[in-house]
Amino acid sequence: MRAGDLDKRAQIQRRSTAQDDFGQPLETYTDVVTRWIKIEPLSGREFISRSGEAADSTHKITLRPFNGLTPAHRIVYHARIFDIQHVANIAERGVDMILICKERLA
């Protein structure tokens, strides 16, 4: 992949669990690293759920390798949040990584 294809600067964040003032578990995220990425939409759909209308959007995100990247991480690009569903190291060569992500939609 050409370096120019990685045209978006995004944060990689790791999920951790803390406790709120009442001792209840609280999911938090901590910035790990900033990387250049490429975002490509794969699919999207709208549907009716019990709570009303909802949407689902899947993306492929390409980036340079990052050791230890798992679905416990997420990608944040401006106000967009991408939950990692799958991590693939292309040809196991350590050149490019492909992430299949679900975008959190409001």
PDB file of N, CA and C in Angstrom:
ATOM      1  N   MET A   1       0.849  -1.178   0.000  1.00  0.00           N
ATOM      2  CA  MET A   1       0.000   0.000   0.000  1.00  0.00           C
ATOM      3  C   MET A   1       0.890   1.233   0.000  1.00  0.00           C
ATOM      4  N   ARG A   2       0.494   2.210  -0.804  1.00  0.00           N
ATOM      5  CA  ARG A   2       1.226   3.469  -0.846  1.00  0.00           C
ATOM      6  C   ARG A   2       0.915   4.285   0.409  1.00  0.00           C
ATOM      7  N   ALA A   3       1.922   5.002   0.884  1.00  0.00           N
ATOM      8  CA  ALA A   3       1.738   5.808   2.093  1.00  0.00           C
ATOM      9  C   ALA A   3       0.642   6.849   1.907  1.00  0.00           C
ATOM     10  N   GLY A   4       0.464   7.383   0.697  1.00  0.00           N
ATOM     11  CA  GLY A   4      -0.558   8.388   0.432  1.00  0.00           C
ATOM     12  C   GLY A   4      -1.979   7.870   0.586  1.00  0.00           C
ATOM     13  N   ASP A   5      -2.158   6.541   0.541  1.00  0.00           N
ATOM     14  CA  ASP A   5      -3.492   5.957   0.729  1.00  0.00           C
ATOM     15  C   ASP A   5      -3.950   6.073   2.185  1.00  0.00           C
ATOM     16  N   LEU A   6      -2.999   6.122   3.094  1.00  0.00           N
ATOM     17  CA  LEU A   6      -3.317   6.265   4.517  1.00  0.00           C
ATOM     18  C   LEU A   6      -3.446   7.759   4.800  1.00  0.00           C
ATOM     19  N   ASP A   7      -4.653   8.294   4.590  1.00  0.00           N
ATOM     20  CA  ASP A   7      -4.839   9.745   4.562  1.00  0.00           C
ATOM     21  C   ASP A   7      -5.593  10.325   5.749  1.00  0.00           C
ATOM     22  N   LYS A   8      -5.908   9.513   6.737  1.00  0.00           N
ATOM     23  CA  LYS A   8      -6.646  10.010   7.906  1.00  0.00           C
ATOM     24  C   LYS A   8      -5.849   9.721   9.176  1.00  0.00           C
ATOM     25  N   ARG A   9      -5.718  10.723  10.021  1.00  0.00           N
ATOM     26  CA  ARG A   9      -4.984  10.576  11.287  1.00  0.00           C
ATOM     27  C   ARG A   9      -5.986  10.216  12.375  1.00  0.00           C
ATOM     28  N   ALA A  10      -5.803   9.074  13.026  1.00  0.00           N
ATOM     29  CA  ALA A  10      -6.782   8.589  14.010  1.00  0.00           C
ATOM     30  C   ALA A  10      -6.088   8.090  15.270  1.00  0.00           C
ATOM     31  N   GLN A  11      -6.847   8.072  16.357  1.00  0.00           N
ATOM     32  CA  GLN A  11      -6.374   7.552  17.635  1.00  0.00           C
ATOM     33  C   GLN A  11      -6.750   6.073  17.754  1.00  0.00           C
ATOM     34  N   ILE A  12      -5.841   5.292  18.278  1.00  0.00           N
ATOM     35  CA  ILE A  12      -6.161   3.925  18.681  1.00  0.00           C
ATOM     36  C   ILE A  12      -6.269   3.963  20.193  1.00  0.00           C
ATOM     37  N   GLN A  13      -7.407   3.487  20.699  1.00  0.00           N
ATOM     38  CA  GLN A  13      -7.665   3.512  22.131  1.00  0.00           C
ATOM     39  C   GLN A  13      -7.886   2.092  22.649  1.00  0.00           C
ATOM     40  N   ARG A  14      -7.489   1.871  23.900  1.00  0.00           N
ATOM     41  CA  ARG A  14      -7.658   0.566  24.556  1.00  0.00           C
ATOM     42  C   ARG A  14      -8.759   0.667  25.597  1.00  0.00           C
ATOM     43  N   ARG A  15      -9.612  -0.349  25.628  1.00  0.00           N
ATOM     44  CA  ARG A  15     -10.701  -0.405  26.605  1.00  0.00           C
ATOM     45  C   ARG A  15     -10.163  -0.869  27.944  1.00  0.00           C
ATOM     46  N   SER A  16     -10.638  -0.238  28.998  1.00  0.00           N
ATOM     47  CA  SER A  16     -10.310  -0.678  30.349  1.00  0.00           C
ATOM     48  C   SER A  16     -11.551  -0.490  31.215  1.00  0.00           C
ATOM     49  N   THR A  17     -11.543  -1.106  32.354  1.00  0.00           N
ATOM     50  CA  THR A  17     -12.689  -1.019  33.250  1.00  0.00           C
ATOM     51  C   THR A  17     -12.250  -0.361  34.550  1.00  0.00           C
ATOM     52  N   ALA A  18     -13.024   0.606  34.966  1.00  0.00           N
ATOM     53  CA  ALA A  18     -12.791   1.289  36.235  1.00  0.00           C
ATOM     54  C   ALA A  18     -14.078   1.172  37.051  1.00  0.00           C
ATOM     55  N   GLN A  19     -14.104   1.797  38.202  1.00  0.00           N
ATOM     56  CA  GLN A  19     -15.302   1.797  39.030  1.00  0.00           C
ATOM     57  C   GLN A  19     -15.755   3.233  39.232  1.00  0.00           C
ATOM     58  N   ASP A  20     -17.081   3.417  39.189  1.00  0.00           N
ATOM     59  CA  ASP A  20     -17.617   4.753  39.460  1.00  0.00           C
ATOM     60  C   ASP A  20     -17.679   4.983  40.967  1.00  0.00           C
ATOM     61  N   ASP A  21     -18.252   6.109  41.381  1.00  0.00           N
ATOM     62  CA  ASP A  21     -18.316   6.450  42.804  1.00  0.00           C
ATOM     63  C   ASP A  21     -19.136   5.475  43.635  1.00  0.00           C
ATOM     64  N   PHE A  22     -19.987   4.683  42.974  1.00  0.00           N
ATOM     65  CA  PHE A  22     -20.839   3.722  43.675  1.00  0.00           C
ATOM     66  C   PHE A  22     -20.313   2.301  43.583  1.00  0.00           C
ATOM     67  N   GLY A  23     -19.093   2.134  43.030  1.00  0.00           N
ATOM     68  CA  GLY A  23     -18.485   0.812  42.932  1.00  0.00           C
ATOM     69  C   GLY A  23     -18.950   0.012  41.733  1.00  0.00           C
ATOM     70  N   GLN A  24     -19.715   0.626  40.836  1.00  0.00           N
ATOM     71  CA  GLN A  24     -20.197  -0.068  39.644  1.00  0.00           C
ATOM     72  C   GLN A  24     -19.122  -0.023  38.549  1.00  0.00           C
ATOM     73  N   PRO A  25     -19.024  -1.099  37.733  1.00  0.00           N
ATOM     74  CA  PRO A  25     -18.031  -1.097  36.658  1.00  0.00           C
ATOM     75  C   PRO A  25     -18.338  -0.005  35.635  1.00  0.00           C
ATOM     76  N   LEU A  26     -17.293   0.648  35.176  1.00  0.00           N
ATOM     77  CA  LEU A  26     -17.411   1.738  34.226  1.00  0.00           C
ATOM     78  C   LEU A  26     -16.402   1.505  33.112  1.00  0.00           C
ATOM     79  N   GLU A  27     -16.875   1.399  31.866  1.00  0.00           N
ATOM     80  CA  GLU A  27     -15.998   1.174  30.731  1.00  0.00           C
ATOM     81  C   GLU A  27     -15.364   2.501  30.320  1.00  0.00           C
ATOM     82  N   THR A  28     -14.038   2.523  30.229  1.00  0.00           N
ATOM     83  CA  THR A  28     -13.325   3.721  29.820  1.00  0.00           C
ATOM     84  C   THR A  28     -12.350   3.364  28.700  1.00  0.00           C
ATOM     85  N   TYR A  29     -11.867   4.360  27.998  1.00  0.00           N
ATOM     86  CA  TYR A  29     -10.886   4.156  26.933  1.00  0.00           C
ATOM     87  C   TYR A  29      -9.708   5.087  27.141  1.00  0.00           C
ATOM     88  N   THR A  30      -8.511   4.578  26.842  1.00  0.00           N
ATOM     89  CA  THR A  30      -7.282   5.332  26.989  1.00  0.00           C
ATOM     90  C   THR A  30      -6.566   5.370  25.645  1.00  0.00           C
ATOM     91  N   ASP A  31      -6.075   6.550  25.241  1.00  0.00           N
ATOM     92  CA  ASP A  31      -5.314   6.659  24.002  1.00  0.00           C
ATOM     93  C   ASP A  31      -4.038   5.833  24.111  1.00  0.00           C
ATOM     94  N   VAL A  32      -3.761   5.058  23.056  1.00  0.00           N
ATOM     95  CA  VAL A  32      -2.554   4.238  23.018  1.00  0.00           C
ATOM     96  C   VAL A  32      -1.547   4.834  22.041  1.00  0.00           C
ATOM     97  N   VAL A  33      -2.012   5.132  20.824  1.00  0.00           N
ATOM     98  CA  VAL A  33      -1.130   5.638  19.781  1.00  0.00           C
ATOM     99  C   VAL A  33      -1.970   6.346  18.722  1.00  0.00           C
ATOM    100  N   THR A  34      -1.341   7.227  17.969  1.00  0.00           N
ATOM    101  CA  THR A  34      -1.981   7.889  16.833  1.00  0.00           C
ATOM    102  C   THR A  34      -1.360   7.320  15.562  1.00  0.00           C
ATOM    103  N   ARG A  35      -2.196   6.944  14.600  1.00  0.00           N
ATOM    104  CA  ARG A  35      -1.724   6.334  13.359  1.00  0.00           C
ATOM    105  C   ARG A  35      -2.451   6.899  12.152  1.00  0.00           C
ATOM    106  N   TRP A  36      -1.803   6.807  10.985  1.00  0.00           N
ATOM    107  CA  TRP A  36      -2.443   7.123   9.718  1.00  0.00           C
ATOM    108  C   TRP A  36      -3.226   5.893   9.275  1.00  0.00           C
ATOM    109  N   ILE A  37      -4.466   6.102   8.824  1.00  0.00           N
ATOM    110  CA  ILE A  37      -5.333   4.995   8.428  1.00  0.00           C
ATOM    111  C   ILE A  37      -6.043   5.311   7.117  1.00  0.00           C
ATOM    112  N   LYS A  38      -6.626   4.283   6.547  1.00  0.00           N
ATOM    113  CA  LYS A  38      -7.512   4.410   5.383  1.00  0.00           C
ATOM    114  C   LYS A  38      -8.839   3.781   5.782  1.00  0.00           C
ATOM    115  N   ILE A  39      -9.948   4.498   5.562  1.00  0.00           N
ATOM    116  CA  ILE A  39     -11.284   3.995   5.912  1.00  0.00           C
ATOM    117  C   ILE A  39     -12.062   3.741   4.631  1.00  0.00           C
ATOM    118  N   GLU A  40     -12.606   2.525   4.497  1.00  0.00           N
ATOM    119  CA  GLU A  40     -13.433   2.174   3.347  1.00  0.00           C
ATOM    120  C   GLU A  40     -14.744   1.574   3.843  1.00  0.00           C
ATOM    121  N   PRO A  41     -15.883   2.117   3.426  1.00  0.00           N
ATOM    122  CA  PRO A  41     -17.161   1.522   3.831  1.00  0.00           C
ATOM    123  C   PRO A  41     -17.360   0.173   3.151  1.00  0.00           C
ATOM    124  N   LEU A  42     -17.894  -0.799   3.896  1.00  0.00           N
ATOM    125  CA  LEU A  42     -18.186  -2.119   3.339  1.00  0.00           C
ATOM    126  C   LEU A  42     -19.680  -2.336   3.170  1.00  0.00           C
ATOM    127  N   SER A  43     -20.440  -2.037   4.226  1.00  0.00           N
ATOM    128  CA  SER A  43     -21.890  -2.247   4.149  1.00  0.00           C
ATOM    129  C   SER A  43     -22.588  -1.325   5.133  1.00  0.00           C
ATOM    130  N   GLY A  44     -23.844  -1.128   4.886  1.00  0.00           N
ATOM    131  CA  GLY A  44     -24.659  -0.328   5.784  1.00  0.00           C
ATOM    132  C   GLY A  44     -26.106  -0.743   5.635  1.00  0.00           C
ATOM    133  N   ARG A  45     -26.865  -0.590   6.699  1.00  0.00           N
ATOM    134  CA  ARG A  45     -28.281  -0.937   6.642  1.00  0.00           C
ATOM    135  C   ARG A  45     -29.032  -0.188   7.723  1.00  0.00           C
ATOM    136  N   GLU A  46     -30.290  -0.012   7.495  1.00  0.00           N
ATOM    137  CA  GLU A  46     -31.184   0.576   8.484  1.00  0.00           C
ATOM    138  C   GLU A  46     -32.233  -0.466   8.813  1.00  0.00           C
ATOM    139  N   PHE A  47     -32.653  -0.504  10.062  1.00  0.00           N
ATOM    140  CA  PHE A  47     -33.636  -1.490  10.465  1.00  0.00           C
ATOM    141  C   PHE A  47     -34.448  -0.969  11.633  1.00  0.00           C
ATOM    142  N   ILE A  48     -35.523  -1.654  11.917  1.00  0.00           N
ATOM    143  CA  ILE A  48     -36.383  -1.299  13.042  1.00  0.00           C
ATOM    144  C   ILE A  48     -36.052  -2.253  14.187  1.00  0.00           C
ATOM    145  N   SER A  49     -35.755  -1.688  15.344  1.00  0.00           N
ATOM    146  CA  SER A  49     -35.500  -2.511  16.523  1.00  0.00           C
ATOM    147  C   SER A  49     -36.546  -2.191  17.583  1.00  0.00           C
ATOM    148  N   ARG A  50     -36.457  -2.853  18.690  1.00  0.00           N
ATOM    149  CA  ARG A  50     -37.432  -2.615  19.773  1.00  0.00           C
ATOM    150  C   ARG A  50     -37.413  -1.167  20.240  1.00  0.00           C
ATOM    151  N   SER A  51     -36.233  -0.542  20.184  1.00  0.00           N
ATOM    152  CA  SER A  51     -36.126   0.834  20.666  1.00  0.00           C
ATOM    153  C   SER A  51     -36.365   1.867  19.559  1.00  0.00           C
ATOM    154  N   GLY A  52     -36.769   1.414  18.390  1.00  0.00           N
ATOM    155  CA  GLY A  52     -37.042   2.345  17.293  1.00  0.00           C
ATOM    156  C   GLY A  52     -36.141   2.056  16.107  1.00  0.00           C
ATOM    157  N   GLU A  53     -35.965   3.056  15.256  1.00  0.00           N
ATOM    158  CA  GLU A  53     -35.115   2.884  14.089  1.00  0.00           C
ATOM    159  C   GLU A  53     -33.653   2.843  14.502  1.00  0.00           C
ATOM    160  N   ALA A  54     -32.869   2.033  13.783  1.00  0.00           N
ATOM    161  CA  ALA A  54     -31.446   1.916  14.076  1.00  0.00           C
ATOM    162  C   ALA A  54     -30.693   1.746  12.760  1.00  0.00           C
ATOM    163  N   ALA A  55     -29.394   1.894  12.821  1.00  0.00           N
ATOM    164  CA  ALA A  55     -28.555   1.733  11.643  1.00  0.00           C
ATOM    165  C   ALA A  55     -27.316   0.934  12.020  1.00  0.00           C
ATOM    166  N   ASP A  56     -26.734   0.306  11.015  1.00  0.00           N
ATOM    167  CA  ASP A  56     -25.563  -0.531  11.197  1.00  0.00           C
ATOM    168  C   ASP A  56     -24.622  -0.243  10.025  1.00  0.00           C
ATOM    169  N   SER A  57     -23.364   0.028  10.296  1.00  0.00           N
ATOM    170  CA  SER A  57     -22.415   0.373   9.245  1.00  0.00           C
ATOM    171  C   SER A  57     -21.083  -0.315   9.516  1.00  0.00           C
ATOM    172  N   THR A  58     -20.580  -1.052   8.504  1.00  0.00           N
ATOM    173  CA  THR A  58     -19.334  -1.790   8.636  1.00  0.00           C
ATOM    174  C   THR A  58     -18.281  -1.172   7.726  1.00  0.00           C
ATOM    175  N   HIS A  59     -17.043  -1.082   8.224  1.00  0.00           N
ATOM    176  CA  HIS A  59     -15.956  -0.483   7.464  1.00  0.00           C
ATOM    177  C   HIS A  59     -14.714  -1.362   7.503  1.00  0.00           C
ATOM    178  N   LYS A  60     -13.886  -1.212   6.484  1.00  0.00           N
ATOM    179  CA  LYS A  60     -12.553  -1.824   6.470  1.00  0.00           C
ATOM    180  C   LYS A  60     -11.564  -0.699   6.710  1.00  0.00           C
ATOM    181  N   ILE A  61     -10.716  -0.852   7.714  1.00  0.00           N
ATOM    182  CA  ILE A  61      -9.699   0.147   8.031  1.00  0.00           C
ATOM    183  C   ILE A  61      -8.329  -0.495   7.842  1.00  0.00           C
ATOM    184  N   THR A  62      -7.487   0.177   7.066  1.00  0.00           N
ATOM    185  CA  THR A  62      -6.141  -0.308   6.794  1.00  0.00           C
ATOM    186  C   THR A  62      -5.142   0.600   7.513  1.00  0.00           C
ATOM    187  N   LEU A  63      -4.118   0.000   8.104  1.00  0.00           N
ATOM    188  CA  LEU A  63      -3.077   0.764   8.790  1.00  0.00           C
ATOM    189  C   LEU A  63      -1.791  -0.032   8.810  1.00  0.00           C
ATOM    190  N   ARG A  64      -0.710   0.619   9.170  1.00  0.00           N
ATOM    191  CA  ARG A  64       0.573  -0.069   9.348  1.00  0.00           C
ATOM    192  C   ARG A  64       0.471  -0.917  10.618  1.00  0.00           C
ATOM    193  N   PRO A  65       1.267  -1.973  10.730  1.00  0.00           N
ATOM    194  CA  PRO A  65       1.160  -2.882  11.873  1.00  0.00           C
ATOM    195  C   PRO A  65       1.320  -2.206  13.224  1.00  0.00           C
ATOM    196  N   PHE A  66       0.579  -2.732  14.169  1.00  0.00           N
ATOM    197  CA  PHE A  66       0.630  -2.270  15.552  1.00  0.00           C
ATOM    198  C   PHE A  66       0.561  -3.507  16.427  1.00  0.00           C
ATOM    199  N   ASN A  67       1.640  -3.851  17.110  1.00  0.00           N
ATOM    200  CA  ASN A  67       1.689  -5.059  17.944  1.00  0.00           C
ATOM    201  C   ASN A  67       0.665  -4.992  19.060  1.00  0.00           C
ATOM    202  N   GLY A  68      -0.051  -6.079  19.245  1.00  0.00           N
ATOM    203  CA  GLY A  68      -1.003  -6.180  20.335  1.00  0.00           C
ATOM    204  C   GLY A  68      -2.376  -5.627  20.029  1.00  0.00           C
ATOM    205  N   LEU A  69      -2.632  -5.206  18.797  1.00  0.00           N
ATOM    206  CA  LEU A  69      -3.941  -4.666  18.428  1.00  0.00           C
ATOM    207  C   LEU A  69      -4.979  -5.784  18.431  1.00  0.00           C
ATOM    208  N   THR A  70      -6.064  -5.601  19.193  1.00  0.00           N
ATOM    209  CA  THR A  70      -7.105  -6.610  19.339  1.00  0.00           C
ATOM    210  C   THR A  70      -8.480  -5.945  19.286  1.00  0.00           C
ATOM    211  N   PRO A  71      -9.557  -6.746  19.282  1.00  0.00           N
ATOM    212  CA  PRO A  71     -10.895  -6.153  19.362  1.00  0.00           C
ATOM    213  C   PRO A  71     -11.174  -5.420  20.678  1.00  0.00           C
ATOM    214  N   ALA A  72     -10.268  -5.462  21.634  1.00  0.00           N
ATOM    215  CA  ALA A  72     -10.422  -4.667  22.862  1.00  0.00           C
ATOM    216  C   ALA A  72     -10.041  -3.210  22.619  1.00  0.00           C
ATOM    217  N   HIS A  73      -9.533  -2.909  21.427  1.00  0.00           N
ATOM    218  CA  HIS A  73      -9.188  -1.546  21.044  1.00  0.00           C
ATOM    219  C   HIS A  73     -10.313  -0.967  20.188  1.00  0.00           C
ATOM    220  N   ARG A  74     -10.246   0.326  19.950  1.00  0.00           N
ATOM    221  CA  ARG A  74     -11.161   0.977  19.017  1.00  0.00           C
ATOM    222  C   ARG A  74     -10.400   2.084  18.300  1.00  0.00           C
ATOM    223  N   ILE A  75     -10.965   2.521  17.176  1.00  0.00           N
ATOM    224  CA  ILE A  75     -10.378   3.590  16.378  1.00  0.00           C
ATOM    225  C   ILE A  75     -11.272   4.820  16.522  1.00  0.00           C
ATOM    226  N   VAL A  76     -10.670   5.982  16.781  1.00  0.00           N
ATOM    227  CA  VAL A  76     -11.425   7.232  16.877  1.00  0.00           C
ATOM    228  C   VAL A  76     -10.864   8.190  15.827  1.00  0.00           C
ATOM    229  N   TYR A  77     -11.734   8.582  14.898  1.00  0.00           N
ATOM    230  CA  TYR A  77     -11.365   9.534  13.856  1.00  0.00           C
ATOM    231  C   TYR A  77     -12.335  10.701  13.943  1.00  0.00           C
ATOM    232  N   HIS A  78     -11.862  11.839  14.410  1.00  0.00           N
ATOM    233  CA  HIS A  78     -12.695  13.017  14.703  1.00  0.00           C
ATOM    234  C   HIS A  78     -13.823  12.582  15.645  1.00  0.00           C
ATOM    235  N   ALA A  79     -15.070  12.755  15.267  1.00  0.00           N
ATOM    236  CA  ALA A  79     -16.189  12.376  16.146  1.00  0.00           C
ATOM    237  C   ALA A  79     -16.685  10.966  15.855  1.00  0.00           C
ATOM    238  N   ARG A  80     -16.027  10.262  14.949  1.00  0.00           N
ATOM    239  CA  ARG A  80     -16.454   8.906  14.571  1.00  0.00           C
ATOM    240  C   ARG A  80     -15.715   7.869  15.413  1.00  0.00           C
ATOM    241  N   ILE A  81     -16.452   6.846  15.839  1.00  0.00           N
ATOM    242  CA  ILE A  81     -15.875   5.770  16.648  1.00  0.00           C
ATOM    243  C   ILE A  81     -16.112   4.447  15.933  1.00  0.00           C
ATOM    244  N   PHE A  82     -15.044   3.671  15.777  1.00  0.00           N
ATOM    245  CA  PHE A  82     -15.107   2.379  15.105  1.00  0.00           C
ATOM    246  C   PHE A  82     -14.703   1.280  16.089  1.00  0.00           C
ATOM    247  N   ASP A  83     -15.625   0.374  16.391  1.00  0.00           N
ATOM    248  CA  ASP A  83     -15.333  -0.770  17.255  1.00  0.00           C
ATOM    249  C   ASP A  83     -14.738  -1.870  16.390  1.00  0.00           C
ATOM    250  N   ILE A  84     -13.581  -2.371  16.784  1.00  0.00           N
ATOM    251  CA  ILE A  84     -12.890  -3.395  16.003  1.00  0.00           C
ATOM    252  C   ILE A  84     -13.569  -4.745  16.219  1.00  0.00           C
ATOM    253  N   GLN A  85     -13.945  -5.391  15.116  1.00  0.00           N
ATOM    254  CA  GLN A  85     -14.563  -6.712  15.155  1.00  0.00           C
ATOM    255  C   GLN A  85     -13.546  -7.818  14.836  1.00  0.00           C
ATOM    256  N   HIS A  86     -12.609  -7.503  13.922  1.00  0.00           N
ATOM    257  CA  HIS A  86     -11.633  -8.513  13.482  1.00  0.00           C
ATOM    258  C   HIS A  86     -10.337  -7.814  13.069  1.00  0.00           C
ATOM    259  N   VAL A  87      -9.200  -8.432  13.383  1.00  0.00           N
ATOM    260  CA  VAL A  87      -7.881  -7.914  13.025  1.00  0.00           C
ATOM    261  C   VAL A  87      -7.182  -8.942  12.144  1.00  0.00           C
ATOM    262  N   ALA A  88      -6.676  -8.498  10.963  1.00  0.00           N
ATOM    263  CA  ALA A  88      -5.960  -9.402  10.061  1.00  0.00           C
ATOM    264  C   ALA A  88      -4.621  -8.786   9.686  1.00  0.00           C
ATOM    265  N   ASN A  89      -3.554  -9.556   9.840  1.00  0.00           N
ATOM    266  CA  ASN A  89      -2.214  -9.152   9.413  1.00  0.00           C
ATOM    267  C   ASN A  89      -2.040  -9.723   8.008  1.00  0.00           C
ATOM    268  N   ILE A  90      -2.083  -8.867   6.995  1.00  0.00           N
ATOM    269  CA  ILE A  90      -2.081  -9.305   5.608  1.00  0.00           C
ATOM    270  C   ILE A  90      -0.847 -10.150   5.301  1.00  0.00           C
ATOM    271  N   ALA A  91      -1.084 -11.359   4.826  1.00  0.00           N
ATOM    272  CA  ALA A  91      -0.046 -12.326   4.444  1.00  0.00           C
ATOM    273  C   ALA A  91       0.941 -12.605   5.573  1.00  0.00           C
ATOM    274  N   GLU A  92       0.585 -12.241   6.806  1.00  0.00           N
ATOM    275  CA  GLU A  92       1.441 -12.462   7.971  1.00  0.00           C
ATOM    276  C   GLU A  92       2.849 -11.915   7.757  1.00  0.00           C
ATOM    277  N   ARG A  93       2.951 -10.838   6.950  1.00  0.00           N
ATOM    278  CA  ARG A  93       4.256 -10.253   6.663  1.00  0.00           C
ATOM    279  C   ARG A  93       4.559  -9.034   7.517  1.00  0.00           C
ATOM    280  N   GLY A  94       3.591  -8.525   8.257  1.00  0.00           N
ATOM    281  CA  GLY A  94       3.823  -7.361   9.088  1.00  0.00           C
ATOM    282  C   GLY A  94       3.941  -6.063   8.309  1.00  0.00           C
ATOM    283  N   VAL A  95       3.308  -6.010   7.125  1.00  0.00           N
ATOM    284  CA  VAL A  95       3.377  -4.811   6.298  1.00  0.00           C
ATOM    285  C   VAL A  95       2.125  -3.955   6.479  1.00  0.00           C
ATOM    286  N   ASP A  96       0.966  -4.551   6.321  1.00  0.00           N
ATOM    287  CA  ASP A  96      -0.313  -3.857   6.486  1.00  0.00           C
ATOM    288  C   ASP A  96      -1.230  -4.678   7.368  1.00  0.00           C
ATOM    289  N   MET A  97      -2.115  -3.979   8.087  1.00  0.00           N
ATOM    290  CA  MET A  97      -3.150  -4.648   8.868  1.00  0.00           C
ATOM    291  C   MET A  97      -4.501  -4.177   8.357  1.00  0.00           C
ATOM    292  N   ILE A  98      -5.434  -5.103   8.310  1.00  0.00           N
ATOM    293  CA  ILE A  98      -6.808  -4.799   7.928  1.00  0.00           C
ATOM    294  C   ILE A  98      -7.680  -5.036   9.150  1.00  0.00           C
ATOM    295  N   LEU A  99      -8.515  -4.042   9.471  1.00  0.00           N
ATOM    296  CA  LEU A  99      -9.464  -4.163  10.573  1.00  0.00           C
ATOM    297  C   LEU A  99     -10.865  -4.129   9.993  1.00  0.00           C
ATOM    298  N   ILE A 100     -11.707  -5.032  10.423  1.00  0.00           N
ATOM    299  CA  ILE A 100     -13.125  -4.962  10.099  1.00  0.00           C
ATOM    300  C   ILE A 100     -13.781  -4.345  11.327  1.00  0.00           C
ATOM    301  N   CYS A 101     -14.437  -3.203  11.116  1.00  0.00           N
ATOM    302  CA  CYS A 101     -14.959  -2.420  12.229  1.00  0.00           C
ATOM    303  C   CYS A 101     -16.429  -2.095  12.027  1.00  0.00           C
ATOM    304  N   LYS A 102     -17.114  -1.940  13.133  1.00  0.00           N
ATOM    305  CA  LYS A 102     -18.503  -1.469  13.119  1.00  0.00           C
ATOM    306  C   LYS A 102     -18.495  -0.063  13.671  1.00  0.00           C
ATOM    307  N   GLU A 103     -19.056   0.862  12.893  1.00  0.00           N
ATOM    308  CA  GLU A 103     -19.095   2.257  13.332  1.00  0.00           C
ATOM    309  C   GLU A 103     -20.264   2.455  14.286  1.00  0.00           C
ATOM    310  N   ARG A 104     -19.991   3.158  15.375  1.00  0.00           N
ATOM    311  CA  ARG A 104     -21.074   3.512  16.305  1.00  0.00           C
ATOM    312  C   ARG A 104     -21.842   4.669  15.698  1.00  0.00           C
ATOM    313  N   LEU A 105     -23.112   4.453  15.453  1.00  0.00           N
ATOM    314  CA  LEU A 105     -23.953   5.484  14.860  1.00  0.00           C
ATOM    315  C   LEU A 105     -24.897   6.055  15.892  1.00  0.00           C
ATOM    316  N   ALA A 106     -25.116   7.351  15.831  1.00  0.00           N
ATOM    317  CA  ALA A 106     -26.008   8.022  16.783  1.00  0.00           C
ATOM    318  C   ALA A 106     -27.451   7.729  16.467  1.00  0.00           C
TER     319      ALA A 106
END
